[in-house]
Amino acid sequence: MSKRLTDASINSLPNPAARREIPAGITGLYLIVQPSGVKSWAVRYRFNSKSIKMVLGRYPMMTLADANAAAVATLREVALGNNPAADALRAKATKSEIETDRRNKMDTLVAEYHRRALSKLKSGNQALDFLTRLALQPWEAKGIKHGGWADSDIQSIHKRNVRELVEKISDSGRDVSANRVLAHLSAFFNWAVRRDVIETNPASNVARTVKEVARERFLSDEEIKLFWQACNRVGQPFGALFKVMLLTGQRRSEVAGMTDAEIDGTIWSLEGSRTKNGRAHTVPLSGAVLDLLNSVVRYPRSPFIFTTTGKTPVSGFSKSFSTLCAAMLELGQGSSPPIDIAPWRLHDLRRTCATGLASLRVPVRVTEAALNHVSGTGGGIVAVYQKHDFADERREALDAWANHVMAVAA
């Protein structure tokens, strides 16, 4: 029977009443058939006068031809004086030890933390970036070095280590990043405590490097005029993008990811997955914004309005923003009298819009609705019971703001 054993005959074997071993042709190779119908391969040999059985694999994942080859290789090792079954057990034990050892490594746990917790949060990828870039990976800045914790056991990270890391980031000129890393590490270690990986949070009670205060920077009307002129120097597509950010008051990522499908006439609709707070939002578009969007040089068949590849939204704003700021400084120094431009960030355009709406006597609740800002007057009981979306008021407010900006920029 063993000489006639083929894949076809194996598949036609009935389930036996009791476990059955069938010789498979090569001396020592057997097909083991269980009453459940499960089939597997095993090879028998003698080593130091003892009979040893070594399981090779399960059928049909391991075919008859594969089993024959594995049996030949096994018996060849025996002929050389080796014990393949014992070697396989040692290799399996070593692999298990390695897996157990890596189970408590920081990179393994942070990856698990991302899979189970961070990936469910809108800001999860940002938190993972902070942990990976500034805690797990080695880095050097301004002569200060961090060796990286990726390969460290979580139990080896103590409060002193956390404090020293936070201080290193701060000393390298990144106070805000130091605070962010501390916050994300504390959340991660709390997660590890809840999962009984560690007993206490080593980031607990570690002081922040600086006390952060709310930013108050916004562009004055003089600066708005310089901003508008500087955007013209920046060119496509970033110049138009920056202008739309100012006119709509929406966040950089939301404007950058704008698609044709989101625009219906004079309404720009964003799904919750596209906004920071996860709430769907509509933005009435003024004539000035529509003119800007129509002026953007488009990629054929690209869904994105602001893109440099046609396949993804624009990214890498640093170079264009630096060009913008340099142009504003130059234009400011060339004014009569010269205008000094204090440092500012792109997010300050959103504050500039909110401040401008306030100067136009737009009610705070309308401004918050226009900017999709849910805290402040839009939080608490108002968020639960006030369902009026101020559509008409928002359109009037953003139209008035656009008219003001265009008059200032003229």
Protein backbone atom coordinates (compact mmCIF):
# COMPACT_ATOMS: atom_id res chain seq x y z
CA MET A 1 0.00 0.00 0.00
CA SER A 2 2.83 2.40 0.81
CA LYS A 3 4.18 2.23 -2.73
CA ARG A 4 0.80 3.25 -4.13
CA LEU A 5 0.25 6.18 -1.71
CA THR A 6 -0.51 9.37 -3.68
CA ASP A 7 -2.18 12.68 -2.94
CA ALA A 8 -5.33 11.34 -4.58
CA SER A 9 -5.36 8.18 -2.47
CA ILE A 10 -4.64 10.19 0.69
CA ASN A 11 -7.65 12.42 0.02
CA SER A 12 -9.88 9.37 -0.46
CA LEU A 13 -8.93 7.73 2.85
CA PRO A 14 -11.93 7.23 5.15
CA ASN A 15 -11.81 8.48 8.72
CA PRO A 16 -10.59 5.54 10.83
CA ALA A 17 -12.24 4.39 14.04
CA ALA A 18 -8.90 4.80 15.81
CA ARG A 19 -5.66 6.65 15.14
CA ARG A 20 -3.85 5.04 12.20
CA GLU A 21 -0.26 5.23 10.89
CA ILE A 22 0.28 4.43 7.21
CA PRO A 23 3.80 3.85 5.81
CA ALA A 24 4.38 6.36 3.04
CA GLY A 25 7.06 4.72 0.89
CA ILE A 26 10.31 6.10 2.32
CA THR A 27 11.51 4.02 5.24
CA GLY A 28 10.51 5.77 8.43
CA LEU A 29 7.93 8.15 6.90
CA TYR A 30 4.33 7.73 8.02
CA LEU A 31 1.00 9.39 7.32
CA ILE A 32 -0.92 9.68 10.59
CA VAL A 33 -4.69 9.77 10.22
CA GLN A 34 -6.89 10.75 13.17
CA PRO A 35 -10.54 9.68 13.65
CA SER A 36 -11.45 13.34 13.07
CA GLY A 37 -9.93 13.12 9.60
CA VAL A 38 -6.90 15.28 10.43
CA LYS A 39 -3.79 14.00 8.64
CA SER A 40 -0.15 14.73 9.41
CA TRP A 41 3.31 13.47 8.55
CA ALA A 42 5.85 11.94 10.92
CA VAL A 43 9.22 10.29 10.53
CA ARG A 44 10.53 7.57 12.86
CA TYR A 45 14.21 6.85 13.43
CA ARG A 46 16.55 5.43 16.08
CA PHE A 47 19.05 7.56 17.96
CA ASN A 48 21.30 6.20 20.72
CA SER A 49 19.29 2.96 20.62
CA LYS A 50 16.05 4.87 21.26
CA SER A 51 13.08 5.03 18.90
CA ILE A 52 12.14 8.66 18.17
CA LYS A 53 9.13 10.06 16.33
CA MET A 54 9.35 13.55 14.80
CA VAL A 55 6.25 15.30 13.45
CA LEU A 56 7.02 17.02 10.13
CA GLY A 57 3.82 18.86 9.27
CA ARG A 58 0.12 18.62 8.55
CA TYR A 59 -1.42 17.43 5.31
CA PRO A 60 -2.35 18.97 2.86
CA MET A 61 -0.24 22.06 3.77
CA MET A 62 2.69 19.63 3.51
CA THR A 63 2.18 17.53 0.40
CA LEU A 64 3.40 13.97 -0.12
CA ALA A 65 6.37 15.26 -2.12
CA ASP A 66 7.24 17.78 0.59
CA ALA A 67 6.98 15.08 3.25
CA ASN A 68 9.29 12.78 1.29
CA ALA A 69 11.88 15.56 0.97
CA ALA A 70 11.61 16.42 4.68
CA ALA A 71 11.98 12.77 5.66
CA VAL A 72 15.09 12.35 3.50
CA ALA A 73 16.63 15.48 5.04
CA THR A 74 15.81 14.28 8.56
CA LEU A 75 17.28 10.81 8.03
CA ARG A 76 20.39 12.39 6.48
CA GLU A 77 20.93 14.36 9.71
CA VAL A 78 20.53 11.16 11.72
CA ALA A 79 23.15 9.46 9.56
CA LEU A 80 25.52 12.32 10.38
CA GLY A 81 25.06 11.66 14.09
CA ASN A 82 22.54 14.41 14.82
CA ASN A 83 19.17 14.23 16.54
CA PRO A 84 16.77 16.42 14.46
CA ALA A 85 13.87 16.09 16.90
CA ALA A 86 15.95 17.41 19.81
CA ASP A 87 17.36 20.20 17.61
CA ALA A 88 13.84 21.23 16.63
CA LEU A 89 12.74 21.34 20.27
CA ARG A 90 15.70 23.53 21.19
CA ALA A 91 15.00 25.87 18.27
CA LYS A 92 11.35 26.11 19.30
CA ALA A 93 12.33 26.86 22.89
CA THR A 94 14.79 29.53 21.73
CA LYS A 95 12.13 31.14 19.54
CA SER A 96 9.70 31.13 22.45
CA GLU A 97 12.32 32.75 24.68
CA ILE A 98 13.00 35.42 22.07
CA GLU A 99 9.29 36.14 21.69
CA THR A 100 8.88 36.31 25.46
CA ASP A 101 11.89 38.60 25.70
CA ARG A 102 10.54 40.96 23.04
CA ARG A 103 7.07 40.97 24.55
CA ASN A 104 8.10 43.55 27.14
CA LYS A 105 10.27 45.68 24.84
CA MET A 106 9.16 49.27 24.44
CA ASP A 107 8.76 49.10 20.65
CA THR A 108 6.59 45.97 20.93
CA LEU A 109 4.38 47.50 23.59
CA VAL A 110 4.02 50.86 21.85
CA ALA A 111 2.97 49.03 18.68
CA GLU A 112 0.39 47.10 20.72
CA TYR A 113 -0.73 50.35 22.39
CA HIS A 114 -1.27 51.88 18.97
CA ARG A 115 -3.20 48.87 17.70
CA ARG A 116 -5.50 48.63 20.72
CA ALA A 117 -5.88 52.27 21.73
CA LEU A 118 -4.27 55.00 19.63
CA SER A 119 -5.58 53.74 16.30
CA LYS A 120 -9.12 54.40 17.55
CA LEU A 121 -8.34 58.07 18.25
CA LYS A 122 -8.29 60.81 15.64
CA SER A 123 -5.01 62.12 17.06
CA GLY A 124 -3.59 58.62 17.53
CA ASN A 125 -1.08 58.77 14.69
CA GLN A 126 0.25 62.08 15.99
CA ALA A 127 0.75 60.53 19.45
CA LEU A 128 2.51 57.53 17.88
CA ASP A 129 4.80 59.90 15.95
CA PHE A 130 5.84 61.71 19.15
CA LEU A 131 6.51 58.43 20.99
CA THR A 132 8.43 56.90 18.09
CA ARG A 133 10.44 59.93 17.00
CA LEU A 134 11.41 61.33 20.40
CA ALA A 135 11.25 58.37 22.83
CA LEU A 136 11.81 55.12 20.91
CA GLN A 137 14.24 56.24 18.23
CA PRO A 138 17.73 57.65 18.92
CA TRP A 139 18.21 61.31 18.07
CA GLU A 140 20.72 64.14 18.39
CA ALA A 141 19.99 67.86 18.40
CA LYS A 142 22.18 70.78 19.43
CA GLY A 143 24.79 68.38 20.82
CA ILE A 144 22.23 66.59 23.01
CA LYS A 145 21.76 62.85 22.42
CA HIS A 146 19.07 60.31 23.25
CA GLY A 147 19.90 56.65 22.73
CA GLY A 148 16.35 55.50 22.07
CA TRP A 149 14.17 53.18 24.12
CA ALA A 150 12.92 50.87 21.36
CA ASP A 151 14.94 47.89 22.59
CA SER A 152 14.57 48.63 26.32
CA ASP A 153 12.40 46.56 28.64
CA ILE A 154 9.51 48.64 29.93
CA GLN A 155 10.45 47.62 33.48
CA SER A 156 13.83 49.32 33.01
CA ILE A 157 12.22 52.72 32.38
CA HIS A 158 12.03 54.61 35.67
CA LYS A 159 10.90 58.09 36.67
CA ARG A 160 14.46 59.38 36.39
CA ASN A 161 14.71 58.13 32.80
CA VAL A 162 11.47 59.89 31.87
CA ARG A 163 12.55 63.13 33.53
CA GLU A 164 15.94 63.05 31.80
CA LEU A 165 14.33 62.44 28.40
CA VAL A 166 11.92 65.34 28.87
CA GLU A 167 14.78 67.60 29.97
CA LYS A 168 16.89 66.59 26.97
CA ILE A 169 14.09 67.47 24.56
CA SER A 170 13.61 70.79 26.32
CA ASP A 171 17.34 71.55 26.37
CA SER A 172 17.45 70.95 22.62
CA GLY A 173 15.05 73.88 22.21
CA ARG A 174 11.76 72.00 22.01
CA ASP A 175 9.85 72.85 25.18
CA VAL A 176 6.40 72.24 23.73
CA SER A 177 7.48 68.91 22.21
CA ALA A 178 8.89 67.92 25.62
CA ASN A 179 5.50 68.53 27.20
CA ARG A 180 3.76 66.57 24.45
CA VAL A 181 6.08 63.59 24.82
CA LEU A 182 5.57 63.59 28.57
CA ALA A 183 1.79 63.58 28.13
CA HIS A 184 1.88 60.77 25.57
CA LEU A 185 4.31 58.70 27.67
CA SER A 186 2.10 59.10 30.72
CA ALA A 187 -0.93 57.90 28.76
CA PHE A 188 1.05 54.93 27.41
CA PHE A 189 2.37 53.91 30.82
CA ASN A 190 -1.14 54.20 32.31
CA TRP A 191 -2.32 51.82 29.58
CA ALA A 192 0.50 49.43 30.51
CA VAL A 193 -0.52 49.61 34.20
CA ARG A 194 -4.11 48.73 33.32
CA ARG A 195 -2.85 45.70 31.39
CA ASP A 196 -0.71 44.55 34.36
CA VAL A 197 2.51 44.99 32.38
CA ILE A 198 3.95 47.35 35.02
CA GLU A 199 2.76 48.28 38.48
CA THR A 200 3.26 52.04 38.45
CA ASN A 201 3.47 54.83 35.88
CA PRO A 202 7.08 56.15 35.76
CA ALA A 203 5.89 59.36 34.09
CA SER A 204 3.60 60.17 36.99
CA ASN A 205 4.45 63.47 38.75
CA VAL A 206 7.24 64.33 36.30
CA ALA A 207 7.09 68.10 35.91
CA ARG A 208 6.46 69.72 32.55
CA THR A 209 9.39 71.76 31.27
CA VAL A 210 7.43 74.97 30.74
CA LYS A 211 3.97 76.22 31.50
CA GLU A 212 2.20 76.65 28.20
CA VAL A 213 -0.01 79.66 27.70
CA ALA A 214 -2.69 80.13 25.09
CA ARG A 215 -1.37 81.84 21.99
CA GLU A 216 -2.73 85.28 21.24
CA ARG A 217 -0.95 86.04 17.95
CA PHE A 218 -3.10 87.18 15.05
CA LEU A 219 -2.36 89.25 11.96
CA SER A 220 -3.27 92.92 12.00
CA ASP A 221 -4.84 94.56 8.96
CA GLU A 222 -1.39 95.86 7.96
CA GLU A 223 0.02 92.36 8.22
CA ILE A 224 -2.93 90.89 6.31
CA LYS A 225 -2.07 93.17 3.38
CA LEU A 226 1.55 92.03 3.45
CA PHE A 227 0.39 88.42 3.85
CA TRP A 228 -1.79 88.66 0.75
CA GLN A 229 1.02 90.13 -1.33
CA ALA A 230 3.48 87.53 -0.02
CA CYS A 231 1.10 84.71 -0.96
CA ASN A 232 1.30 85.93 -4.54
CA ARG A 233 5.07 85.44 -4.39
CA VAL A 234 4.72 81.93 -2.93
CA GLY A 235 2.70 80.89 -5.98
CA GLN A 236 0.74 77.71 -6.69
CA PRO A 237 -0.71 75.85 -4.91
CA PHE A 238 0.38 77.03 -1.44
CA GLY A 239 -0.28 80.74 -1.99
CA ALA A 240 -3.95 80.11 -2.76
CA LEU A 241 -4.20 77.55 0.04
CA PHE A 242 -2.90 80.03 2.64
CA LYS A 243 -5.39 82.64 1.45
CA VAL A 244 -8.30 80.18 1.73
CA MET A 245 -7.19 79.35 5.27
CA LEU A 246 -7.41 83.05 6.19
CA LEU A 247 -10.77 83.63 4.49
CA THR A 248 -12.50 80.52 5.88
CA GLY A 249 -10.78 80.16 9.27
CA GLN A 250 -10.56 76.40 8.76
CA ARG A 251 -7.61 74.24 9.82
CA ARG A 252 -4.63 73.63 7.58
CA SER A 253 -5.24 69.89 7.12
CA GLU A 254 -8.90 70.48 6.31
CA VAL A 255 -8.14 73.04 3.61
CA ALA A 256 -5.20 71.05 2.23
CA GLY A 257 -7.36 67.95 1.80
CA MET A 258 -10.21 69.75 0.04
CA THR A 259 -11.69 67.79 -2.89
CA ASP A 260 -14.12 68.65 -5.67
CA ALA A 261 -16.55 66.09 -4.26
CA GLU A 262 -16.82 68.11 -1.03
CA ILE A 263 -17.95 71.27 -2.81
CA ASP A 264 -21.54 71.73 -3.95
CA GLY A 265 -22.10 75.18 -5.35
CA THR A 266 -21.12 77.57 -2.57
CA ILE A 267 -21.07 74.97 0.22
CA TRP A 268 -18.01 73.02 1.31
CA SER A 269 -19.01 69.91 3.29
CA LEU A 270 -16.54 67.98 5.46
CA GLU A 271 -17.30 64.57 6.93
CA GLY A 272 -16.43 63.92 10.56
CA SER A 273 -13.39 61.93 9.50
CA ARG A 274 -11.96 65.12 7.99
CA THR A 275 -12.30 67.39 11.01
CA LYS A 276 -10.24 67.59 14.19
CA ASN A 277 -13.21 67.19 16.52
CA GLY A 278 -14.80 64.42 14.47
CA ARG A 279 -17.95 66.43 13.73
CA ALA A 280 -19.28 66.90 10.22
CA HIS A 281 -19.08 70.53 9.18
CA THR A 282 -20.24 72.76 6.34
CA VAL A 283 -18.48 75.95 5.31
CA PRO A 284 -20.26 78.62 3.22
CA LEU A 285 -17.80 79.81 0.56
CA SER A 286 -17.61 83.48 -0.25
CA GLY A 287 -17.11 84.72 -3.77
CA ALA A 288 -13.48 85.51 -2.94
CA VAL A 289 -12.85 81.91 -1.90
CA LEU A 290 -14.55 80.53 -5.01
CA ASP A 291 -12.38 82.79 -7.18
CA LEU A 292 -9.27 81.46 -5.44
CA LEU A 293 -10.31 77.86 -5.93
CA ASN A 294 -10.98 78.50 -9.62
CA SER A 295 -7.51 80.03 -9.96
CA VAL A 296 -5.67 76.96 -8.71
CA VAL A 297 -3.81 75.09 -11.45
CA ARG A 298 -5.37 71.65 -11.44
CA TYR A 299 -4.04 68.15 -12.10
CA PRO A 300 -6.20 66.29 -14.65
CA ARG A 301 -8.50 63.74 -13.00
CA SER A 302 -7.15 64.48 -9.51
CA PRO A 303 -9.83 64.70 -6.79
CA PHE A 304 -7.68 67.13 -4.78
CA ILE A 305 -7.75 70.87 -5.34
CA PHE A 306 -4.44 71.54 -3.59
CA THR A 307 -1.93 68.94 -4.74
CA THR A 308 1.59 68.75 -6.13
CA THR A 309 1.36 65.10 -7.22
CA GLY A 310 -2.23 64.67 -8.32
CA LYS A 311 -2.48 61.64 -6.04
CA THR A 312 -2.33 63.13 -2.54
CA PRO A 313 -3.08 66.46 -0.86
CA VAL A 314 -0.20 68.91 -0.50
CA SER A 315 2.14 68.32 2.44
CA GLY A 316 5.48 69.62 3.65
CA PHE A 317 4.42 73.19 4.40
CA SER A 318 7.71 74.30 6.00
CA LYS A 319 9.45 75.50 2.83
CA SER A 320 6.44 77.40 1.51
CA PHE A 321 5.70 78.94 4.91
CA SER A 322 9.35 80.04 5.24
CA THR A 323 9.11 81.66 1.79
CA LEU A 324 5.89 83.37 2.85
CA CYS A 325 7.40 84.76 6.07
CA ALA A 326 10.55 85.95 4.29
CA ALA A 327 8.44 87.74 1.69
CA MET A 328 6.33 89.39 4.39
CA LEU A 329 9.46 90.61 6.19
CA GLU A 330 10.89 92.03 2.98
CA LEU A 331 7.62 93.74 2.07
CA GLY A 332 7.29 95.06 5.60
CA GLN A 333 10.76 96.59 5.58
CA GLY A 334 9.99 98.18 2.24
CA SER A 335 6.87 99.89 3.54
CA SER A 336 6.78 103.51 4.64
CA PRO A 337 7.09 103.52 7.54
CA PRO A 338 8.64 100.02 7.86
CA ILE A 339 6.46 97.34 9.44
CA ASP A 340 8.04 94.81 11.79
CA ILE A 341 6.52 91.33 11.56
CA ALA A 342 6.54 89.35 14.81
CA PRO A 343 6.93 85.56 14.49
CA TRP A 344 3.70 83.74 13.74
CA ARG A 345 2.38 80.32 12.73
CA LEU A 346 -0.05 79.11 10.11
CA HIS A 347 -2.57 78.22 12.80
CA ASP A 348 -2.64 81.93 13.70
CA LEU A 349 -4.62 82.49 10.49
CA ARG A 350 -7.54 80.74 12.18
CA ARG A 351 -7.22 83.09 15.17
CA THR A 352 -6.95 86.03 12.78
CA CYS A 353 -10.25 85.03 11.20
CA ALA A 354 -11.93 84.66 14.61
CA THR A 355 -10.54 88.02 15.76
CA GLY A 356 -11.65 89.67 12.55
CA LEU A 357 -15.17 88.30 12.92
CA ALA A 358 -15.28 89.69 16.46
CA SER A 359 -14.24 93.12 15.16
CA LEU A 360 -17.14 92.91 12.70
CA ARG A 361 -19.51 92.38 15.67
CA VAL A 362 -20.23 88.75 14.80
CA PRO A 363 -21.63 86.93 17.87
CA VAL A 364 -19.19 84.45 19.47
CA ARG A 365 -21.61 81.55 18.99
CA VAL A 366 -21.76 82.25 15.25
CA THR A 367 -17.97 82.46 15.04
CA GLU A 368 -17.62 79.13 16.85
CA ALA A 369 -20.12 77.56 14.46
CA ALA A 370 -18.28 78.99 11.46
CA LEU A 371 -14.94 77.62 12.67
CA ASN A 372 -16.41 74.30 13.92
CA HIS A 373 -15.14 75.07 17.42
CA VAL A 374 -17.15 73.13 20.03
CA SER A 375 -15.72 74.40 23.32
CA GLY A 376 -16.47 77.75 24.92
CA THR A 377 -20.08 78.86 24.41
CA GLY A 378 -20.72 75.81 22.23
CA GLY A 379 -19.89 73.29 24.94
CA GLY A 380 -21.81 71.79 27.83
CA ILE A 381 -25.58 72.09 27.80
CA VAL A 382 -25.53 74.21 24.65
CA ALA A 383 -23.89 71.39 22.68
CA VAL A 384 -26.62 69.01 23.86
CA TYR A 385 -29.71 71.12 23.27
CA GLN A 386 -28.75 73.89 20.84
CA LYS A 387 -29.09 72.31 17.39
CA HIS A 388 -29.46 75.49 15.32
CA ASP A 389 -26.52 75.50 12.88
CA PHE A 390 -26.52 79.27 12.17
CA ALA A 391 -26.23 78.57 8.43
CA ASP A 392 -27.45 82.01 7.33
CA GLU A 393 -25.51 83.79 10.06
CA ARG A 394 -22.31 81.91 9.18
CA ARG A 395 -22.63 82.84 5.52
CA GLU A 396 -23.19 86.50 6.35
CA ALA A 397 -20.23 86.45 8.76
CA LEU A 398 -17.74 84.82 6.34
CA ASP A 399 -18.93 87.01 3.45
CA ALA A 400 -18.36 90.10 5.60
CA TRP A 401 -14.92 88.85 6.63
CA ALA A 402 -13.95 88.13 3.00
CA ASN A 403 -15.06 91.63 1.98
CA HIS A 404 -12.96 93.10 4.79
CA VAL A 405 -9.86 91.10 3.82
CA MET A 406 -10.18 91.97 0.15
CA ALA A 407 -10.56 95.65 1.00
CA VAL A 408 -7.49 95.52 3.24
CA ALA A 409 -5.46 93.58 0.66
CA ALA A 410 -6.32 95.94 -2.22
